[in-house]
N, C-alpha and C. Protein backbone atom coordinates (compact mmCIF):
# COMPACT_ATOMS: atom_id res chain seq x y z
N MET A 1 122.42 86.82 85.80
CA MET A 1 121.93 85.52 85.80
C MET A 1 120.46 85.45 86.14
N PRO A 2 119.47 84.93 85.54
CA PRO A 2 118.20 85.10 86.00
C PRO A 2 117.97 84.01 87.19
N LYS A 3 116.99 84.34 88.03
CA LYS A 3 116.68 83.29 88.95
C LYS A 3 116.17 81.98 88.33
N ARG A 4 116.31 80.84 88.95
CA ARG A 4 115.82 79.56 88.43
C ARG A 4 115.08 78.85 89.46
N SER A 5 113.98 78.23 89.06
CA SER A 5 113.13 77.44 89.87
C SER A 5 112.95 76.06 89.17
N ALA A 6 112.56 75.06 90.09
CA ALA A 6 112.36 73.70 89.53
C ALA A 6 111.08 73.30 90.15
N GLY A 7 110.19 72.70 89.41
CA GLY A 7 108.93 72.24 89.95
C GLY A 7 108.40 70.93 89.53
N LEU A 8 107.62 70.19 90.07
CA LEU A 8 107.02 68.81 89.66
C LEU A 8 105.44 68.99 89.43
N LEU A 9 105.10 68.66 88.34
CA LEU A 9 103.67 68.74 87.84
C LEU A 9 103.08 67.21 88.01
N LEU A 10 102.47 66.95 89.02
CA LEU A 10 101.81 65.63 89.14
C LEU A 10 100.57 65.63 88.26
N TYR A 11 100.35 64.47 87.62
CA TYR A 11 99.18 64.26 86.65
C TYR A 11 98.65 63.01 86.85
N ARG A 12 97.33 62.88 86.44
CA ARG A 12 96.59 61.60 86.57
C ARG A 12 95.48 61.68 85.57
N MET A 13 94.97 60.41 85.14
CA MET A 13 93.84 60.32 84.30
C MET A 13 92.67 59.91 85.19
N THR A 14 91.51 60.73 85.13
CA THR A 14 90.43 60.38 85.92
C THR A 14 89.14 60.33 84.88
N ASP A 15 88.50 59.28 84.76
CA ASP A 15 87.33 59.06 83.79
C ASP A 15 87.70 59.53 82.39
N GLY A 16 88.85 59.28 82.06
CA GLY A 16 89.47 59.71 80.66
C GLY A 16 89.74 61.04 80.59
N ARG A 17 89.90 61.81 81.60
CA ARG A 17 90.23 63.28 81.66
C ARG A 17 91.59 63.49 82.34
N LEU A 18 92.45 64.24 81.68
CA LEU A 18 93.78 64.40 82.36
C LEU A 18 93.59 65.59 83.34
N GLU A 19 94.19 65.32 84.42
CA GLU A 19 94.06 66.32 85.51
C GLU A 19 95.48 66.43 86.03
N VAL A 20 95.69 67.65 86.59
CA VAL A 20 96.98 68.16 87.09
C VAL A 20 96.96 68.68 88.64
N LEU A 21 97.81 68.62 89.38
CA LEU A 21 97.95 69.11 90.79
C LEU A 21 98.64 70.24 90.85
N ILE A 22 97.79 71.33 91.23
CA ILE A 22 98.45 72.72 91.29
C ILE A 22 98.16 73.27 92.68
N GLY A 23 98.92 74.36 93.00
CA GLY A 23 98.75 75.05 94.27
C GLY A 23 98.42 76.41 94.32
N HIS A 24 97.77 77.03 95.12
CA HIS A 24 97.37 78.51 95.26
C HIS A 24 98.13 78.97 96.35
N PRO A 25 98.95 80.05 95.98
CA PRO A 25 99.89 80.74 96.86
C PRO A 25 99.18 81.35 98.06
N GLY A 26 99.86 81.30 99.25
CA GLY A 26 99.23 81.75 100.58
C GLY A 26 99.79 83.08 100.74
N GLY A 27 99.13 83.74 101.74
CA GLY A 27 99.53 85.16 102.11
C GLY A 27 98.46 86.12 101.63
N PRO A 28 98.64 87.34 102.05
CA PRO A 28 97.53 88.16 101.77
C PRO A 28 97.59 88.93 100.29
N PHE A 29 98.62 88.78 99.71
CA PHE A 29 98.65 89.32 98.30
C PHE A 29 97.85 88.39 97.39
N TRP A 30 97.58 87.22 97.53
CA TRP A 30 97.01 86.34 96.79
C TRP A 30 95.64 85.80 97.25
N ALA A 31 95.29 86.33 98.44
CA ALA A 31 94.16 85.76 99.19
C ALA A 31 92.83 85.80 98.42
N ARG A 32 92.57 86.90 97.53
CA ARG A 32 91.34 87.12 96.81
C ARG A 32 91.55 86.80 95.35
N ARG A 33 92.71 86.22 94.97
CA ARG A 33 92.88 85.86 93.57
C ARG A 33 92.77 84.55 93.33
N ASP A 34 92.19 84.17 92.15
CA ASP A 34 92.10 82.69 91.81
C ASP A 34 92.47 82.74 90.33
N GLU A 35 91.89 83.23 89.49
CA GLU A 35 92.27 83.11 88.01
C GLU A 35 93.70 83.75 87.83
N GLY A 36 94.58 82.82 87.20
CA GLY A 36 95.85 83.27 87.04
C GLY A 36 96.87 83.56 88.29
N ALA A 37 96.41 82.82 89.29
CA ALA A 37 97.20 83.07 90.49
C ALA A 37 97.88 81.64 90.88
N TRP A 38 97.39 80.44 90.49
CA TRP A 38 97.83 79.14 90.91
C TRP A 38 99.12 78.95 90.23
N SER A 39 99.85 77.80 90.85
CA SER A 39 101.27 77.58 90.50
C SER A 39 101.42 76.11 90.45
N ILE A 40 102.33 75.58 89.71
CA ILE A 40 102.95 74.36 89.85
C ILE A 40 103.80 74.40 91.05
N PRO A 41 103.76 73.37 91.89
CA PRO A 41 104.54 73.43 93.13
C PRO A 41 106.13 73.51 92.70
N LYS A 42 106.85 74.47 93.16
CA LYS A 42 108.17 74.83 92.72
C LYS A 42 109.08 75.51 93.65
N GLY A 43 110.36 75.67 93.46
CA GLY A 43 111.03 76.49 94.32
C GLY A 43 112.43 76.92 93.58
N GLU A 44 113.10 77.92 94.09
CA GLU A 44 114.18 78.26 93.51
C GLU A 44 115.40 77.40 93.96
N TYR A 45 116.56 77.40 93.10
CA TYR A 45 117.71 76.77 93.21
C TYR A 45 118.86 77.40 92.83
N ASP A 46 120.01 77.00 93.32
CA ASP A 46 121.25 77.68 93.20
C ASP A 46 122.13 77.00 92.28
N ASP A 47 123.24 77.43 91.76
CA ASP A 47 124.16 76.71 90.85
C ASP A 47 124.69 75.48 91.67
N GLY A 48 124.90 74.30 91.01
CA GLY A 48 125.30 73.09 91.59
C GLY A 48 124.19 72.26 92.11
N GLU A 49 122.98 72.69 92.22
CA GLU A 49 121.91 71.85 92.67
C GLU A 49 121.28 71.25 91.51
N ASP A 50 120.83 70.09 91.72
CA ASP A 50 120.21 69.15 90.63
C ASP A 50 118.71 69.57 90.69
N PRO A 51 118.27 70.14 89.47
CA PRO A 51 116.84 70.56 89.39
C PRO A 51 115.85 69.41 89.79
N TRP A 52 116.02 68.16 89.30
CA TRP A 52 115.10 67.14 89.81
C TRP A 52 114.98 67.05 91.25
N THR A 53 116.24 67.02 91.94
CA THR A 53 116.20 66.95 93.48
C THR A 53 115.40 68.11 94.07
N VAL A 54 115.59 69.35 93.48
CA VAL A 54 114.99 70.48 93.97
C VAL A 54 113.50 70.40 93.80
N ALA A 55 112.99 69.92 92.53
CA ALA A 55 111.69 69.84 92.29
C ALA A 55 110.99 68.91 93.34
N ARG A 56 111.60 67.78 93.56
CA ARG A 56 111.06 66.81 94.66
C ARG A 56 110.97 67.49 96.06
N ARG A 57 112.08 68.04 96.36
CA ARG A 57 112.00 68.76 97.77
C ARG A 57 110.94 69.81 97.82
N GLU A 58 110.91 70.71 96.80
CA GLU A 58 109.97 71.72 96.86
C GLU A 58 108.36 71.23 96.78
N PHE A 59 108.08 70.08 96.09
CA PHE A 59 106.92 69.46 95.97
C PHE A 59 106.55 69.06 97.63
N GLU A 60 107.49 68.31 98.20
CA GLU A 60 107.24 68.01 99.55
C GLU A 60 107.00 69.13 100.47
N GLU A 61 107.78 70.14 100.41
CA GLU A 61 107.61 71.32 101.27
C GLU A 61 106.31 72.06 101.03
N GLU A 62 105.84 72.06 99.77
CA GLU A 62 104.73 72.95 99.49
C GLU A 62 103.23 72.05 99.52
N VAL A 63 103.45 70.70 99.32
CA VAL A 63 102.31 69.93 99.46
C VAL A 63 102.10 69.16 100.73
N GLY A 64 103.32 69.03 101.43
CA GLY A 64 103.35 68.37 102.68
C GLY A 64 103.38 66.76 102.64
N MET A 65 103.63 66.29 101.29
CA MET A 65 103.68 64.86 101.10
C MET A 65 104.93 64.58 100.23
N PRO A 66 105.44 63.40 100.33
CA PRO A 66 106.53 63.20 99.37
C PRO A 66 106.17 63.12 97.95
N ALA A 67 106.78 63.44 97.10
CA ALA A 67 106.54 63.44 95.60
C ALA A 67 106.40 61.98 95.22
N PRO A 68 105.47 61.43 94.47
CA PRO A 68 105.40 60.00 94.06
C PRO A 68 106.75 59.68 93.22
N ASP A 69 107.06 58.49 93.30
CA ASP A 69 108.07 57.98 92.49
C ASP A 69 107.45 57.56 90.96
N GLY A 70 108.39 57.34 90.09
CA GLY A 70 107.93 56.92 88.88
C GLY A 70 108.66 57.58 87.76
N PRO A 71 108.55 57.19 86.51
CA PRO A 71 109.21 57.82 85.33
C PRO A 71 108.75 59.21 85.32
N ARG A 72 109.72 60.12 84.92
CA ARG A 72 109.37 61.47 84.75
C ARG A 72 109.64 62.03 83.39
N ILE A 73 108.89 63.06 83.09
CA ILE A 73 108.99 63.73 81.76
C ILE A 73 109.72 65.00 82.17
N ALA A 74 110.87 65.18 81.71
CA ALA A 74 111.73 66.50 81.88
C ALA A 74 111.48 67.35 80.82
N PHE A 75 110.71 68.46 80.96
CA PHE A 75 110.34 69.52 79.88
C PHE A 75 111.60 70.42 79.85
N ASP A 76 111.68 70.96 78.63
CA ASP A 76 112.63 72.17 78.40
C ASP A 76 112.34 73.28 79.26
N PRO A 77 113.21 74.02 79.80
CA PRO A 77 112.84 75.13 80.71
C PRO A 77 112.05 76.12 80.01
N VAL A 78 111.31 76.91 80.86
CA VAL A 78 110.43 78.07 80.28
C VAL A 78 110.73 79.24 80.99
N ARG A 79 110.87 80.36 80.22
CA ARG A 79 111.16 81.61 80.70
C ARG A 79 109.84 82.36 81.16
N GLN A 80 109.63 82.73 82.48
CA GLN A 80 108.70 83.42 82.75
C GLN A 80 108.60 84.85 82.48
N PRO A 81 107.46 85.59 82.42
CA PRO A 81 107.46 86.97 82.13
C PRO A 81 108.52 87.83 83.15
N SER A 82 108.61 87.39 84.28
CA SER A 82 109.62 88.00 85.21
C SER A 82 110.95 87.75 84.97
N GLY A 83 111.32 86.84 83.94
CA GLY A 83 112.71 86.56 83.67
C GLY A 83 113.13 85.19 84.27
N LYS A 84 112.48 84.76 85.27
CA LYS A 84 112.82 83.49 85.86
C LYS A 84 112.74 82.27 84.98
N ILE A 85 113.66 81.52 85.05
CA ILE A 85 113.70 80.27 84.20
C ILE A 85 113.06 79.09 85.08
N VAL A 86 112.16 78.47 84.54
CA VAL A 86 111.49 77.42 85.31
C VAL A 86 111.53 76.06 84.55
N THR A 87 112.04 75.12 85.28
CA THR A 87 112.28 73.78 84.73
C THR A 87 111.34 72.86 85.48
N VAL A 88 110.45 72.22 84.68
CA VAL A 88 109.33 71.40 85.30
C VAL A 88 109.48 69.93 84.93
N PHE A 89 109.22 69.02 85.76
CA PHE A 89 109.26 67.61 85.59
C PHE A 89 107.77 67.09 85.80
N ALA A 90 107.11 66.31 85.01
CA ALA A 90 106.01 65.87 85.14
C ALA A 90 105.97 64.45 85.45
N VAL A 91 105.35 64.00 86.52
CA VAL A 91 105.35 62.62 86.99
C VAL A 91 103.79 62.03 87.14
N ALA A 92 103.42 60.92 86.61
CA ALA A 92 102.07 60.41 86.85
C ALA A 92 101.96 59.78 88.25
N GLY A 93 100.84 60.28 88.84
CA GLY A 93 100.58 59.69 90.19
C GLY A 93 99.22 60.07 90.65
N ASP A 94 98.58 59.36 91.58
CA ASP A 94 97.41 59.77 92.17
C ASP A 94 97.64 59.95 93.70
N LEU A 95 97.44 61.23 94.08
CA LEU A 95 97.87 61.55 95.44
C LEU A 95 96.47 61.97 96.20
N ASP A 96 96.38 61.30 97.26
CA ASP A 96 95.21 61.75 98.07
C ASP A 96 95.57 62.98 98.93
N LEU A 97 94.86 64.00 98.70
CA LEU A 97 95.26 65.30 99.25
C LEU A 97 94.90 65.59 100.69
N THR A 98 94.18 64.56 101.35
CA THR A 98 93.87 64.69 102.67
C THR A 98 95.10 64.90 103.53
N GLY A 99 95.04 65.85 104.38
CA GLY A 99 96.24 66.28 105.26
C GLY A 99 97.27 67.05 104.56
N ALA A 100 97.06 67.44 103.32
CA ALA A 100 98.00 68.35 102.55
C ALA A 100 98.34 69.53 103.36
N HIS A 101 99.49 70.00 103.56
CA HIS A 101 99.88 71.27 104.18
C HIS A 101 101.33 71.86 103.65
N SER A 102 101.31 73.16 103.65
CA SER A 102 102.73 73.65 103.15
C SER A 102 103.49 74.24 104.33
N ASN A 103 104.76 74.31 103.95
CA ASN A 103 105.60 75.08 104.90
C ASN A 103 105.22 76.57 104.95
N THR A 104 105.78 77.30 105.82
CA THR A 104 105.32 78.69 105.80
C THR A 104 106.39 79.75 105.74
N PHE A 105 105.91 80.93 105.63
CA PHE A 105 106.82 82.13 105.46
C PHE A 105 106.43 83.29 106.56
N THR A 106 107.31 84.14 106.85
CA THR A 106 106.90 85.28 107.73
C THR A 106 107.10 86.57 106.88
N MET A 107 106.11 87.59 107.32
CA MET A 107 106.27 88.85 106.66
C MET A 107 105.63 89.81 107.55
N GLU A 108 105.87 91.20 107.42
CA GLU A 108 105.21 92.17 108.21
C GLU A 108 103.90 92.26 107.49
N TRP A 109 102.87 92.22 108.34
CA TRP A 109 101.42 92.47 107.81
C TRP A 109 100.54 92.81 108.88
N PRO A 110 99.76 93.85 108.66
CA PRO A 110 99.75 94.71 107.50
C PRO A 110 100.99 95.49 107.35
N LYS A 111 101.38 95.81 106.07
CA LYS A 111 102.57 96.54 105.74
C LYS A 111 102.59 97.82 106.56
N GLY A 112 103.81 98.06 107.27
CA GLY A 112 104.00 99.19 108.04
C GLY A 112 103.56 99.19 109.43
N SER A 113 103.05 97.96 109.81
CA SER A 113 102.26 97.73 111.12
C SER A 113 103.34 97.36 112.25
N GLY A 114 104.37 96.76 111.78
CA GLY A 114 105.43 96.19 112.70
C GLY A 114 104.94 94.92 113.26
N GLN A 115 103.96 94.30 112.62
CA GLN A 115 103.47 93.03 113.08
C GLN A 115 104.00 91.89 112.17
N ILE A 116 104.75 90.97 112.66
CA ILE A 116 105.25 89.83 111.76
C ILE A 116 104.24 88.80 111.93
N ARG A 117 103.71 88.32 110.80
CA ARG A 117 102.71 87.20 110.80
C ARG A 117 103.27 86.04 109.88
N GLU A 118 102.79 84.85 110.10
CA GLU A 118 103.11 83.74 109.50
C GLU A 118 102.10 83.31 108.56
N PHE A 119 102.44 82.85 107.33
CA PHE A 119 101.39 82.50 106.30
C PHE A 119 101.98 81.18 105.57
N PRO A 120 101.07 80.40 105.19
CA PRO A 120 101.58 79.11 104.27
C PRO A 120 101.98 79.54 103.05
N GLU A 121 103.03 78.94 102.47
CA GLU A 121 103.49 79.27 101.12
C GLU A 121 102.40 78.85 100.12
N ILE A 122 101.92 77.74 100.37
CA ILE A 122 100.69 77.29 99.57
C ILE A 122 99.53 77.17 100.44
N ASP A 123 98.37 77.89 100.13
CA ASP A 123 97.25 77.74 101.12
C ASP A 123 96.35 76.51 100.65
N ARG A 124 96.35 76.00 99.55
CA ARG A 124 95.66 74.96 99.15
C ARG A 124 96.10 74.26 98.00
N VAL A 125 95.96 72.91 97.73
CA VAL A 125 96.31 72.33 96.54
C VAL A 125 95.04 71.66 96.07
N ALA A 126 94.95 71.49 94.77
CA ALA A 126 93.77 70.75 94.01
C ALA A 126 94.13 70.13 92.86
N TRP A 127 93.40 69.03 92.49
CA TRP A 127 93.44 68.33 91.22
C TRP A 127 92.36 69.08 90.29
N VAL A 128 92.87 69.59 89.28
CA VAL A 128 92.01 70.23 88.39
C VAL A 128 92.26 69.71 86.97
N SER A 129 91.16 69.81 86.06
CA SER A 129 91.36 69.49 84.66
C SER A 129 92.38 70.43 83.90
N VAL A 130 92.94 69.98 82.97
CA VAL A 130 93.95 70.66 82.08
C VAL A 130 93.37 71.88 81.72
N GLU A 131 91.95 71.80 81.30
CA GLU A 131 91.18 72.98 80.85
C GLU A 131 91.06 74.09 81.98
N GLU A 132 90.76 73.66 83.16
CA GLU A 132 90.65 74.46 84.25
C GLU A 132 92.05 75.14 84.74
N ALA A 133 93.19 74.33 84.60
CA ALA A 133 94.52 74.76 84.92
C ALA A 133 94.86 75.88 84.05
N ARG A 134 94.45 75.77 82.66
CA ARG A 134 94.76 76.85 81.73
C ARG A 134 94.40 78.36 82.26
N SER A 135 93.24 78.29 82.92
CA SER A 135 92.78 79.66 83.45
C SER A 135 93.38 79.97 84.87
N LYS A 136 93.61 78.95 85.68
CA LYS A 136 94.07 79.03 86.99
C LYS A 136 95.57 79.35 87.17
N LEU A 137 96.33 78.75 86.21
CA LEU A 137 97.75 78.86 86.43
C LEU A 137 98.32 80.23 86.02
N VAL A 138 99.34 80.79 86.63
CA VAL A 138 99.98 81.99 86.20
C VAL A 138 100.42 81.91 84.75
N LYS A 139 100.30 82.93 84.12
CA LYS A 139 100.48 82.85 82.51
C LYS A 139 101.71 82.08 82.02
N GLY A 140 102.77 82.38 82.81
CA GLY A 140 104.17 81.90 82.36
C GLY A 140 104.23 80.36 82.47
N GLN A 141 103.42 79.74 83.26
CA GLN A 141 103.49 78.21 83.37
C GLN A 141 102.50 77.43 82.43
N ARG A 142 101.50 78.16 81.88
CA ARG A 142 100.58 77.57 80.96
C ARG A 142 101.08 76.84 79.87
N PRO A 143 102.16 77.13 79.24
CA PRO A 143 102.65 76.33 78.10
C PRO A 143 103.14 74.97 78.48
N ILE A 144 103.54 74.85 79.78
CA ILE A 144 103.84 73.40 80.17
C ILE A 144 102.72 72.30 80.11
N LEU A 145 101.44 73.04 80.12
CA LEU A 145 100.24 72.23 80.00
C LEU A 145 100.01 71.48 78.61
N ASP A 146 100.47 72.38 77.57
CA ASP A 146 100.50 71.97 76.30
C ASP A 146 101.48 70.83 76.06
N ARG A 147 102.69 70.94 76.66
CA ARG A 147 103.79 69.96 76.61
C ARG A 147 103.34 68.75 77.29
N LEU A 148 102.58 68.82 78.35
CA LEU A 148 102.22 67.58 79.08
C LEU A 148 101.19 66.95 78.20
N VAL A 149 100.17 67.64 77.73
CA VAL A 149 99.17 66.91 76.88
C VAL A 149 99.89 66.24 75.69
N ALA A 150 100.67 66.84 75.04
CA ALA A 150 101.46 66.21 73.85
C ALA A 150 102.18 65.08 74.29
N ALA A 151 102.88 64.99 75.52
CA ALA A 151 103.64 63.87 75.92
C ALA A 151 102.62 62.68 76.28
N VAL A 152 101.64 63.04 77.11
CA VAL A 152 100.46 61.86 77.49
C VAL A 152 99.76 61.30 76.25
N GLU A 153 99.51 62.24 75.28
CA GLU A 153 98.73 61.74 74.20
C GLU A 153 99.63 61.05 73.16
N GLY A 154 100.90 61.21 73.29
CA GLY A 154 101.99 60.62 72.44
C GLY A 154 102.22 61.45 71.25
N GLY A 155 101.66 62.73 71.28
CA GLY A 155 101.85 63.51 70.09
C GLY A 155 103.41 64.06 70.05
N GLU A 156 103.55 65.36 69.90
CA GLU A 156 104.90 66.06 69.71
C GLU A 156 105.73 65.59 70.94
N PRO A 157 107.11 65.49 70.74
CA PRO A 157 107.93 65.28 71.90
C PRO A 157 107.87 66.37 72.77
N ALA A 158 107.55 66.16 74.11
CA ALA A 158 107.61 67.13 75.14
C ALA A 158 108.80 67.36 75.85
N GLY A 159 109.76 66.55 75.79
CA GLY A 159 110.92 66.65 76.42
C GLY A 159 111.53 65.34 76.59
N SER A 160 112.34 65.02 77.46
CA SER A 160 112.78 63.67 77.62
C SER A 160 112.24 62.86 78.66
N LEU A 161 112.05 61.54 78.41
CA LEU A 161 111.51 60.78 79.43
C LEU A 161 112.56 59.94 80.10
N SER A 162 112.68 60.11 81.35
CA SER A 162 113.85 59.52 82.19
C SER A 162 113.28 58.92 83.50
N ARG A 163 114.00 58.21 84.11
CA ARG A 163 113.72 57.64 85.42
C ARG A 163 114.44 58.30 86.52
């Protein structure tokens, strides 16, 4: 059974331009990477957990603020190159990122040193245009952007609209 994650893609219109909120992973492996490194705030879940509840919980853990309320777009799950299945929900909202902060994780760093260090799971979040997100997001999450654009512009069905 592949691992599963659920995420929340917050979006807004600014000066007629669609923007999305994405996060850059913390820790030493990602410190010098930008293009193809960012992610939709998300996290893994187990059997019996509701993906929407998980998406909201993970958003709050990784952004440090509650996920905005409002109608959501439930996209069909996307299989990542790693095999992980990601279910993403999109919600319209305009979140002020002042004070945004992530939960943390610990790991031995430098590897083999015996030193345990703490790192933020997400070291920064940013509002970016969909065009910029296409280059910043990890490859497996980029198809969600097309689905979001289609849903927002009223084009092809992107998934189900629910409350």
